[in-house]
N, C-alpha and C. Protein backbone atom coordinates (compact mmCIF):
# COMPACT_ATOMS: atom_id res chain seq x y z
N MET A 1 -46.45 -87.15 -49.79
CA MET A 1 -46.89 -87.61 -51.09
C MET A 1 -45.78 -87.35 -52.12
N ILE A 2 -45.60 -88.28 -53.02
CA ILE A 2 -44.57 -88.16 -54.05
C ILE A 2 -45.08 -87.25 -55.16
N SER A 3 -44.28 -86.28 -55.54
CA SER A 3 -44.65 -85.33 -56.58
C SER A 3 -44.59 -85.97 -57.97
N LYS A 4 -45.62 -85.72 -58.78
CA LYS A 4 -45.63 -86.21 -60.16
C LYS A 4 -44.61 -85.48 -61.02
N TYR A 5 -44.07 -84.39 -60.50
CA TYR A 5 -43.10 -83.61 -61.26
C TYR A 5 -41.67 -83.92 -60.84
N LYS A 6 -41.48 -84.67 -59.75
CA LYS A 6 -40.14 -85.04 -59.29
C LYS A 6 -39.86 -86.53 -59.46
N SER A 7 -40.89 -87.36 -59.36
CA SER A 7 -40.69 -88.78 -59.59
C SER A 7 -40.51 -89.01 -61.09
N MET A 8 -39.77 -90.05 -61.43
CA MET A 8 -39.35 -90.25 -62.82
C MET A 8 -39.69 -91.64 -63.32
N TRP A 9 -39.86 -91.74 -64.62
CA TRP A 9 -39.92 -93.02 -65.32
C TRP A 9 -38.68 -93.09 -66.20
N ILE A 10 -38.06 -94.26 -66.21
CA ILE A 10 -36.89 -94.49 -67.06
C ILE A 10 -37.32 -95.48 -68.14
N LEU A 11 -37.11 -95.12 -69.39
CA LEU A 11 -37.37 -96.03 -70.50
C LEU A 11 -36.03 -96.39 -71.13
N VAL A 12 -35.82 -97.68 -71.31
CA VAL A 12 -34.61 -98.17 -71.96
C VAL A 12 -35.03 -98.83 -73.26
N ALA A 13 -34.53 -98.27 -74.37
CA ALA A 13 -34.77 -98.84 -75.70
C ALA A 13 -33.43 -99.34 -76.21
N PHE A 14 -33.44 -100.52 -76.83
CA PHE A 14 -32.16 -101.06 -77.27
C PHE A 14 -32.28 -101.89 -78.53
N ASP A 15 -31.18 -101.89 -79.28
CA ASP A 15 -30.97 -102.77 -80.43
C ASP A 15 -29.71 -103.56 -80.14
N LEU A 16 -29.85 -104.86 -80.11
CA LEU A 16 -28.71 -105.74 -79.87
C LEU A 16 -28.65 -106.77 -80.99
N PRO A 17 -27.45 -107.08 -81.48
CA PRO A 17 -27.36 -108.10 -82.53
C PRO A 17 -27.76 -109.47 -81.98
N VAL A 18 -28.48 -110.24 -82.80
CA VAL A 18 -28.93 -111.57 -82.37
C VAL A 18 -28.76 -112.60 -83.50
N LEU A 19 -27.74 -112.43 -84.33
CA LEU A 19 -27.54 -113.33 -85.46
C LEU A 19 -26.92 -114.66 -85.04
N THR A 20 -26.06 -114.64 -84.06
CA THR A 20 -25.42 -115.88 -83.61
C THR A 20 -25.97 -116.29 -82.25
N GLN A 21 -25.70 -117.52 -81.88
CA GLN A 21 -26.15 -118.01 -80.58
C GLN A 21 -25.50 -117.19 -79.45
N LYS A 22 -24.24 -116.84 -79.61
CA LYS A 22 -23.56 -116.04 -78.59
C LYS A 22 -24.21 -114.66 -78.45
N GLN A 23 -24.55 -114.04 -79.58
CA GLN A 23 -25.20 -112.74 -79.54
C GLN A 23 -26.58 -112.83 -78.88
N ARG A 24 -27.33 -113.89 -79.17
CA ARG A 24 -28.64 -114.08 -78.54
C ARG A 24 -28.49 -114.25 -77.03
N ARG A 25 -27.47 -114.98 -76.62
CA ARG A 25 -27.22 -115.18 -75.20
C ARG A 25 -26.89 -113.85 -74.52
N ILE A 26 -26.09 -113.03 -75.17
CA ILE A 26 -25.74 -111.71 -74.62
C ILE A 26 -26.98 -110.82 -74.54
N ALA A 27 -27.80 -110.83 -75.59
CA ALA A 27 -29.03 -110.02 -75.60
C ALA A 27 -29.98 -110.48 -74.49
N ASN A 28 -30.13 -111.78 -74.34
CA ASN A 28 -31.00 -112.30 -73.27
C ASN A 28 -30.45 -111.95 -71.89
N SER A 29 -29.15 -111.97 -71.77
CA SER A 29 -28.52 -111.61 -70.50
C SER A 29 -28.81 -110.15 -70.16
N PHE A 30 -28.78 -109.27 -71.15
CA PHE A 30 -29.08 -107.86 -70.91
C PHE A 30 -30.55 -107.69 -70.52
N ARG A 31 -31.45 -108.38 -71.23
CA ARG A 31 -32.88 -108.31 -70.88
C ARG A 31 -33.10 -108.80 -69.45
N ASN A 32 -32.45 -109.89 -69.10
CA ASN A 32 -32.59 -110.43 -67.74
C ASN A 32 -32.02 -109.46 -66.70
N TYR A 33 -30.94 -108.78 -67.04
CA TYR A 33 -30.39 -107.77 -66.15
C TYR A 33 -31.44 -106.70 -65.86
N LEU A 34 -32.08 -106.20 -66.92
CA LEU A 34 -33.11 -105.17 -66.74
C LEU A 34 -34.25 -105.68 -65.85
N LYS A 35 -34.70 -106.89 -66.10
CA LYS A 35 -35.79 -107.47 -65.29
C LYS A 35 -35.35 -107.63 -63.83
N ASN A 36 -34.12 -108.08 -63.63
CA ASN A 36 -33.64 -108.33 -62.27
C ASN A 36 -33.50 -107.06 -61.44
N VAL A 37 -33.26 -105.92 -62.09
CA VAL A 37 -33.17 -104.67 -61.33
C VAL A 37 -34.52 -103.96 -61.24
N GLY A 38 -35.57 -104.59 -61.77
CA GLY A 38 -36.92 -104.07 -61.57
C GLY A 38 -37.62 -103.47 -62.77
N PHE A 39 -37.03 -103.55 -63.94
CA PHE A 39 -37.68 -103.01 -65.14
C PHE A 39 -38.82 -103.92 -65.59
N THR A 40 -39.80 -103.31 -66.24
CA THR A 40 -40.95 -104.02 -66.80
C THR A 40 -40.90 -103.89 -68.32
N MET A 41 -41.13 -104.99 -69.02
CA MET A 41 -41.11 -104.96 -70.48
C MET A 41 -42.38 -104.30 -71.01
N LEU A 42 -42.22 -103.27 -71.84
CA LEU A 42 -43.34 -102.66 -72.55
C LEU A 42 -43.47 -103.26 -73.94
N GLN A 43 -42.35 -103.43 -74.61
CA GLN A 43 -42.26 -104.09 -75.90
C GLN A 43 -40.98 -104.89 -75.88
N LYS A 44 -40.71 -105.66 -76.93
CA LYS A 44 -39.57 -106.57 -76.89
C LYS A 44 -38.24 -105.90 -76.58
N SER A 45 -38.04 -104.69 -77.04
CA SER A 45 -36.78 -103.99 -76.78
C SER A 45 -37.02 -102.64 -76.10
N LEU A 46 -38.08 -102.57 -75.31
CA LEU A 46 -38.41 -101.34 -74.59
C LEU A 46 -38.86 -101.70 -73.18
N TYR A 47 -38.10 -101.24 -72.21
CA TYR A 47 -38.37 -101.55 -70.81
C TYR A 47 -38.53 -100.25 -70.02
N CYS A 48 -39.33 -100.30 -68.94
CA CYS A 48 -39.53 -99.10 -68.13
C CYS A 48 -39.35 -99.40 -66.66
N TYR A 49 -39.08 -98.34 -65.90
CA TYR A 49 -38.83 -98.45 -64.47
C TYR A 49 -39.30 -97.15 -63.81
N TYR A 50 -39.97 -97.27 -62.68
CA TYR A 50 -40.42 -96.11 -61.93
C TYR A 50 -39.43 -95.80 -60.82
N SER A 51 -39.08 -94.53 -60.68
CA SER A 51 -38.15 -94.10 -59.65
C SER A 51 -38.73 -92.87 -58.94
N CYS A 52 -38.58 -92.83 -57.64
CA CYS A 52 -39.15 -91.72 -56.85
C CYS A 52 -38.40 -90.41 -57.01
N THR A 53 -37.13 -90.47 -57.39
CA THR A 53 -36.34 -89.24 -57.48
C THR A 53 -35.46 -89.22 -58.72
N LYS A 54 -35.08 -88.04 -59.13
CA LYS A 54 -34.16 -87.88 -60.27
C LYS A 54 -32.79 -88.44 -59.93
N GLU A 55 -32.35 -88.25 -58.70
CA GLU A 55 -31.04 -88.77 -58.28
C GLU A 55 -30.98 -90.29 -58.44
N ARG A 56 -32.03 -90.96 -58.01
CA ARG A 56 -32.09 -92.42 -58.14
C ARG A 56 -32.12 -92.81 -59.63
N SER A 57 -32.87 -92.05 -60.42
CA SER A 57 -32.94 -92.32 -61.86
C SER A 57 -31.56 -92.20 -62.50
N ASP A 58 -30.81 -91.18 -62.11
CA ASP A 58 -29.46 -91.00 -62.65
C ASP A 58 -28.55 -92.17 -62.27
N LEU A 59 -28.66 -92.63 -61.04
CA LEU A 59 -27.86 -93.77 -60.58
C LEU A 59 -28.20 -95.03 -61.39
N ILE A 60 -29.48 -95.26 -61.60
CA ILE A 60 -29.91 -96.43 -62.38
C ILE A 60 -29.40 -96.31 -63.82
N GLY A 61 -29.50 -95.12 -64.39
CA GLY A 61 -28.98 -94.90 -65.75
C GLY A 61 -27.48 -95.18 -65.83
N ASP A 62 -26.73 -94.75 -64.83
CA ASP A 62 -25.29 -95.02 -64.80
C ASP A 62 -25.00 -96.51 -64.72
N ASN A 63 -25.79 -97.24 -63.93
CA ASN A 63 -25.60 -98.68 -63.81
C ASN A 63 -25.92 -99.40 -65.11
N ILE A 64 -26.95 -98.94 -65.82
CA ILE A 64 -27.27 -99.54 -67.12
C ILE A 64 -26.11 -99.32 -68.08
N LYS A 65 -25.57 -98.12 -68.08
CA LYS A 65 -24.45 -97.79 -68.97
C LYS A 65 -23.29 -98.75 -68.75
N LYS A 66 -23.05 -99.14 -67.52
CA LYS A 66 -21.97 -100.07 -67.20
C LYS A 66 -22.24 -101.49 -67.70
N ASN A 67 -23.51 -101.80 -68.00
CA ASN A 67 -23.88 -103.16 -68.41
C ASN A 67 -24.25 -103.27 -69.89
N ILE A 68 -23.96 -102.24 -70.68
CA ILE A 68 -24.29 -102.29 -72.11
C ILE A 68 -23.39 -103.31 -72.81
N PRO A 69 -23.98 -104.23 -73.56
CA PRO A 69 -23.16 -105.17 -74.34
C PRO A 69 -22.29 -104.42 -75.35
N ASP A 70 -21.13 -104.98 -75.67
CA ASP A 70 -20.15 -104.33 -76.54
C ASP A 70 -20.74 -103.84 -77.86
N LYS A 71 -21.58 -104.62 -78.49
CA LYS A 71 -22.11 -104.25 -79.80
C LYS A 71 -23.54 -103.75 -79.73
N GLY A 72 -23.94 -103.28 -78.56
CA GLY A 72 -25.31 -102.84 -78.39
C GLY A 72 -25.48 -101.34 -78.59
N HIS A 73 -26.69 -100.96 -78.96
CA HIS A 73 -27.07 -99.55 -79.03
C HIS A 73 -28.24 -99.38 -78.07
N ILE A 74 -28.05 -98.53 -77.07
CA ILE A 74 -29.05 -98.37 -76.03
C ILE A 74 -29.35 -96.89 -75.85
N SER A 75 -30.64 -96.57 -75.74
CA SER A 75 -31.07 -95.21 -75.42
C SER A 75 -31.80 -95.26 -74.09
N ILE A 76 -31.45 -94.35 -73.20
CA ILE A 76 -32.12 -94.25 -71.90
C ILE A 76 -32.86 -92.92 -71.89
N LEU A 77 -34.18 -92.99 -71.74
CA LEU A 77 -35.01 -91.79 -71.74
C LEU A 77 -35.59 -91.59 -70.35
N PHE A 78 -35.65 -90.34 -69.92
CA PHE A 78 -36.17 -90.01 -68.60
C PHE A 78 -37.39 -89.11 -68.75
N PHE A 79 -38.47 -89.46 -68.05
CA PHE A 79 -39.70 -88.69 -68.08
C PHE A 79 -40.19 -88.48 -66.66
N THR A 80 -40.75 -87.31 -66.39
CA THR A 80 -41.41 -87.15 -65.09
C THR A 80 -42.66 -88.02 -65.08
N ASP A 81 -43.15 -88.33 -63.89
CA ASP A 81 -44.36 -89.14 -63.78
C ASP A 81 -45.53 -88.44 -64.49
N ARG A 82 -45.58 -87.13 -64.38
CA ARG A 82 -46.64 -86.36 -65.03
C ARG A 82 -46.59 -86.54 -66.55
N MET A 83 -45.40 -86.44 -67.13
CA MET A 83 -45.25 -86.61 -68.57
C MET A 83 -45.61 -88.03 -68.99
N PHE A 84 -45.13 -89.01 -68.22
CA PHE A 84 -45.38 -90.41 -68.56
C PHE A 84 -46.86 -90.76 -68.46
N SER A 85 -47.58 -90.09 -67.57
CA SER A 85 -49.01 -90.38 -67.40
C SER A 85 -49.82 -89.98 -68.64
N MET A 86 -49.25 -89.19 -69.52
CA MET A 86 -49.94 -88.79 -70.75
C MET A 86 -49.69 -89.78 -71.89
N THR A 87 -48.96 -90.85 -71.62
CA THR A 87 -48.68 -91.86 -72.64
C THR A 87 -49.98 -92.52 -73.09
N LYS A 88 -50.09 -92.74 -74.38
CA LYS A 88 -51.24 -93.45 -74.93
C LYS A 88 -50.72 -94.69 -75.64
N ASN A 89 -51.37 -95.81 -75.41
CA ASN A 89 -51.00 -97.07 -76.05
C ASN A 89 -52.13 -97.49 -76.98
N TYR A 90 -51.78 -97.89 -78.18
CA TYR A 90 -52.76 -98.33 -79.16
C TYR A 90 -52.35 -99.70 -79.67
N TYR A 91 -53.34 -100.51 -79.95
CA TYR A 91 -53.10 -101.86 -80.45
C TYR A 91 -53.92 -102.07 -81.71
N GLY A 92 -53.38 -102.81 -82.65
CA GLY A 92 -54.10 -103.12 -83.88
C GLY A 92 -55.27 -104.05 -83.62
N LYS A 93 -55.85 -104.54 -84.69
CA LYS A 93 -57.03 -105.38 -84.58
C LYS A 93 -56.72 -106.80 -84.14
N LEU A 94 -55.46 -107.18 -84.20
CA LEU A 94 -55.08 -108.52 -83.78
C LEU A 94 -55.45 -108.72 -82.32
N LYS A 95 -56.20 -109.76 -82.04
CA LYS A 95 -56.64 -110.02 -80.67
C LYS A 95 -55.53 -110.73 -79.90
N VAL A 96 -54.96 -110.01 -78.98
CA VAL A 96 -53.95 -110.58 -78.10
C VAL A 96 -54.31 -110.21 -76.68
N ASN A 97 -53.95 -111.08 -75.77
CA ASN A 97 -54.23 -110.82 -74.37
C ASN A 97 -53.06 -110.03 -73.79
N ILE A 98 -53.21 -108.72 -73.76
CA ILE A 98 -52.16 -107.84 -73.23
C ILE A 98 -52.68 -107.26 -71.93
N SER A 99 -52.04 -107.64 -70.85
CA SER A 99 -52.47 -107.10 -69.57
C SER A 99 -51.49 -106.03 -69.12
N GLN A 100 -52.03 -105.02 -68.50
CA GLN A 100 -51.20 -103.93 -67.99
C GLN A 100 -50.40 -104.47 -66.81
N PRO A 101 -49.09 -104.24 -66.78
CA PRO A 101 -48.30 -104.74 -65.65
C PRO A 101 -48.88 -104.25 -64.33
N GLU A 102 -48.85 -105.11 -63.34
CA GLU A 102 -49.39 -104.78 -62.02
C GLU A 102 -48.77 -103.50 -61.48
N LEU A 103 -47.52 -103.27 -61.80
CA LEU A 103 -46.83 -102.07 -61.36
C LEU A 103 -47.60 -100.83 -61.76
N PHE A 104 -48.10 -100.79 -62.99
CA PHE A 104 -48.82 -99.62 -63.48
C PHE A 104 -50.15 -99.45 -62.77
N ASN A 105 -50.81 -100.54 -62.46
CA ASN A 105 -52.10 -100.46 -61.78
C ASN A 105 -51.97 -99.77 -60.43
N ASN A 106 -50.85 -99.97 -59.77
CA ASN A 106 -50.64 -99.37 -58.46
C ASN A 106 -50.25 -97.91 -58.54
N LEU A 107 -49.66 -97.50 -59.66
CA LEU A 107 -49.13 -96.14 -59.74
C LEU A 107 -50.02 -95.17 -60.49
N LEU A 108 -50.82 -95.66 -61.41
CA LEU A 108 -51.63 -94.74 -62.22
C LEU A 108 -52.98 -94.50 -61.62
């Protein structure tokens, strides 16, 4: 069984310039990179990924660092599965159809 204290969640938060068409293309390319390596979008500039080990999390973090756009600001946060399971999500009164990613249904 995978330990909730050894498995990790990686959160990537980023601010990328999107004033020009070229900047938007670069920002979309970075988002697509995150999706292609298995990240799930939590919010427009916040993506998460589940990893079974800290070593794997470190490797993924290093790979993200290599793909940061030149004018981007990116923060990579690491949480144990136990810590991440205490996350609470709140939504305003606006009625939107927000479904929990299938990934979370399998892990939580």
